[in-house]
Protein backbone atom coordinates (compact mmCIF):
# COMPACT_ATOMS: atom_id res chain seq x y z
CA UNK A 1 -15.23 -55.75 -44.95
CA UNK A 2 -14.58 -53.11 -42.28
CA UNK A 3 -17.21 -50.88 -43.87
CA UNK A 4 -19.66 -53.77 -43.78
CA UNK A 5 -18.92 -54.33 -40.08
CA UNK A 6 -19.26 -50.63 -39.31
CA UNK A 7 -22.49 -50.37 -41.29
CA UNK A 8 -23.83 -53.48 -39.60
CA UNK A 9 -22.86 -52.10 -36.22
CA UNK A 10 -24.58 -48.81 -37.01
CA UNK A 11 -27.71 -50.52 -38.25
CA UNK A 12 -27.89 -52.87 -35.28
CA UNK A 13 -27.27 -49.99 -32.93
CA UNK A 14 -30.30 -48.31 -34.45
CA UNK A 15 -32.30 -51.40 -33.61
CA UNK A 16 -31.13 -51.32 -30.05
CA UNK A 17 -32.21 -47.67 -29.78
CA UNK A 18 -35.55 -46.43 -28.49
CA UNK A 19 -36.95 -43.57 -26.51
CA UNK A 20 -36.87 -43.10 -22.76
CA UNK A 21 -40.58 -42.31 -22.82
CA UNK A 22 -41.25 -45.91 -23.86
CA UNK A 23 -38.63 -47.45 -21.58
CA UNK A 24 -41.11 -49.64 -19.71
CA UNK A 25 -43.20 -50.63 -22.73
CA UNK A 26 -40.77 -51.01 -25.61
CA UNK A 27 -40.98 -54.25 -27.54
CA UNK A 28 -39.99 -55.19 -31.08
CA UNK A 29 -42.63 -54.45 -33.67
CA UNK A 30 -44.15 -57.19 -35.80
CA UNK A 31 -42.05 -58.15 -38.79
CA UNK A 32 -43.37 -56.27 -41.84
CA UNK A 33 -44.13 -58.35 -44.95
CA UNK A 34 -41.22 -56.77 -46.86
CA UNK A 35 -38.72 -57.83 -44.20
CA UNK A 36 -40.26 -61.28 -43.77
CA UNK A 37 -39.90 -61.93 -47.51
CA UNK A 38 -36.35 -60.54 -47.58
CA UNK A 39 -35.34 -62.71 -44.60
CA UNK A 40 -36.90 -65.84 -46.11
CA UNK A 41 -35.20 -65.23 -49.47
CA UNK A 42 -31.80 -64.74 -47.80
CA UNK A 43 -32.32 -67.86 -45.68
CA UNK A 44 -33.31 -69.92 -48.74
CA UNK A 45 -30.17 -68.76 -50.57
CA UNK A 46 -27.97 -69.66 -47.59
CA UNK A 47 -26.80 -66.07 -47.07
CA UNK A 48 -28.61 -65.93 -43.70
CA UNK A 49 -28.57 -68.81 -41.21
CA UNK A 50 -31.67 -70.97 -41.29
CA UNK A 51 -32.95 -70.50 -37.76
CA UNK A 52 -35.78 -68.61 -36.07
CA UNK A 53 -34.99 -64.87 -36.19
CA UNK A 54 -36.91 -62.28 -34.17
CA UNK A 55 -37.38 -59.02 -36.07
CA UNK A 56 -36.21 -56.11 -33.92
CA UNK A 57 -36.40 -53.02 -36.12
CA UNK A 58 -35.56 -51.62 -39.52
CA UNK A 59 -34.45 -48.38 -41.05
CA UNK A 60 -35.04 -47.09 -44.55
CA UNK A 61 -33.07 -44.07 -45.67
CA UNK A 62 -32.29 -42.80 -49.16
CA UNK A 63 -28.90 -44.52 -49.01
CA UNK A 64 -29.59 -47.71 -47.02
CA UNK A 65 -32.25 -50.23 -46.02
CA UNK A 66 -31.32 -52.26 -42.95
CA UNK A 67 -33.27 -54.77 -40.91
CA UNK A 68 -32.06 -56.08 -37.56
CA UNK A 69 -32.79 -59.47 -36.05
CA UNK A 70 -32.08 -61.42 -32.85
CA UNK A 71 -31.84 -65.20 -32.41
CA UNK A 72 -30.94 -67.82 -29.80
CA UNK A 73 -30.84 -65.68 -26.66
CA UNK A 74 -29.48 -67.40 -23.56
CA UNK A 75 -28.51 -66.35 -20.06
CA UNK A 76 -24.87 -65.91 -19.21
CA UNK A 77 -23.03 -64.90 -16.04
CA UNK A 78 -23.22 -61.21 -16.98
CA UNK A 79 -26.48 -60.99 -18.89
CA UNK A 80 -27.87 -62.34 -22.13
CA UNK A 81 -25.89 -63.62 -25.11
CA UNK A 82 -27.55 -63.79 -28.52
CA UNK A 83 -26.92 -63.97 -32.24
CA UNK A 84 -27.66 -60.80 -34.17
CA UNK A 85 -28.16 -60.33 -37.89
CA UNK A 86 -28.27 -57.21 -40.00
CA UNK A 87 -29.69 -57.37 -43.52
CA UNK A 88 -28.52 -54.40 -45.60
CA UNK A 89 -29.11 -53.09 -49.08
CA UNK A 90 -27.42 -49.95 -50.31
CA UNK A 91 -29.22 -47.55 -52.64
CA UNK A 92 -28.86 -48.48 -56.28
CA UNK A 93 -27.83 -52.07 -55.55
CA UNK A 94 -29.90 -55.23 -55.96
CA UNK A 95 -27.73 -57.43 -53.75
CA UNK A 96 -28.23 -57.75 -50.01
CA UNK A 97 -25.39 -57.92 -47.53
CA UNK A 98 -25.84 -60.04 -44.42
CA UNK A 99 -23.84 -59.61 -41.23
CA UNK A 100 -24.26 -62.13 -38.41
CA UNK A 101 -22.47 -61.61 -35.11
CA UNK A 102 -22.54 -62.85 -31.53
CA UNK A 103 -23.54 -60.21 -29.01
CA UNK A 104 -24.35 -59.88 -25.36
CA UNK A 105 -26.45 -57.52 -23.30
CA UNK A 106 -24.78 -56.59 -20.02
CA UNK A 107 -27.99 -56.33 -18.02
CA UNK A 108 -26.68 -54.53 -14.91
CA UNK A 109 -24.69 -52.08 -17.03
CA UNK A 110 -27.43 -51.52 -19.66
CA UNK A 111 -24.99 -51.81 -22.54
CA UNK A 112 -24.06 -54.12 -25.41
CA UNK A 113 -20.93 -55.90 -26.50
CA UNK A 114 -20.06 -57.92 -29.60
CA UNK A 115 -17.71 -60.84 -29.95
CA UNK A 116 -14.45 -59.93 -31.68
CA UNK A 117 -12.63 -62.04 -34.24
CA UNK A 118 -10.40 -63.52 -31.54
CA UNK A 119 -13.25 -64.28 -29.14
CA UNK A 120 -12.84 -61.19 -26.98
CA UNK A 121 -15.84 -59.04 -26.07
CA UNK A 122 -15.74 -55.51 -27.49
CA UNK A 123 -17.93 -52.61 -26.44
CA UNK A 124 -20.62 -51.93 -28.98
CA UNK A 125 -21.33 -48.31 -29.82
CA UNK A 126 -24.78 -47.45 -28.59
CA UNK A 127 -27.08 -44.51 -28.36
CA UNK A 128 -28.46 -42.80 -25.30
CA UNK A 129 -31.56 -44.98 -25.50
CA UNK A 130 -29.76 -48.35 -25.79
CA UNK A 131 -30.56 -49.18 -22.13
CA UNK A 132 -34.28 -49.54 -22.92
CA UNK A 133 -33.59 -52.19 -25.55
CA UNK A 134 -31.06 -53.92 -23.29
CA UNK A 135 -33.69 -53.91 -20.54
CA UNK A 136 -36.18 -55.57 -22.90
CA UNK A 137 -33.65 -58.23 -23.96
CA UNK A 138 -32.75 -58.93 -20.34
CA UNK A 139 -36.37 -59.35 -19.22
CA UNK A 140 -37.31 -61.95 -21.84
CA UNK A 141 -37.86 -65.55 -20.73
CA UNK A 142 -34.69 -67.28 -21.92
CA UNK A 143 -32.92 -70.59 -21.54
CA UNK A 144 -30.23 -70.93 -18.91
């Protein structure tokens, strides 16, 4: 399970990455057909929550396919809280692993945190370009 959490954290961190050059214009890309079908299949099977998910990004390496999603963003006292999902398939395996977690974007600090098992907020490992994705999340029209 720890490996799944670490892999999910790594994959989601990749989705929260970006380049400084595109800091003012970054936005999630459209959900590719492959990922839309994968998400729908996992939702139909009950492995992924049946709710609207916004495709953020995906990675495809020789060892891992991972797609990252965001759902239910809402304002909080320190930024934006949201549900995150990572859909992962390791090379040579047919089964998908799904990791859903509660996260928050600390808007003024340009960093991310995830909710721990005991409800505490834990710093989420990011990359140097995480602030651009946090900026995008924090500028979206959200519910209060």
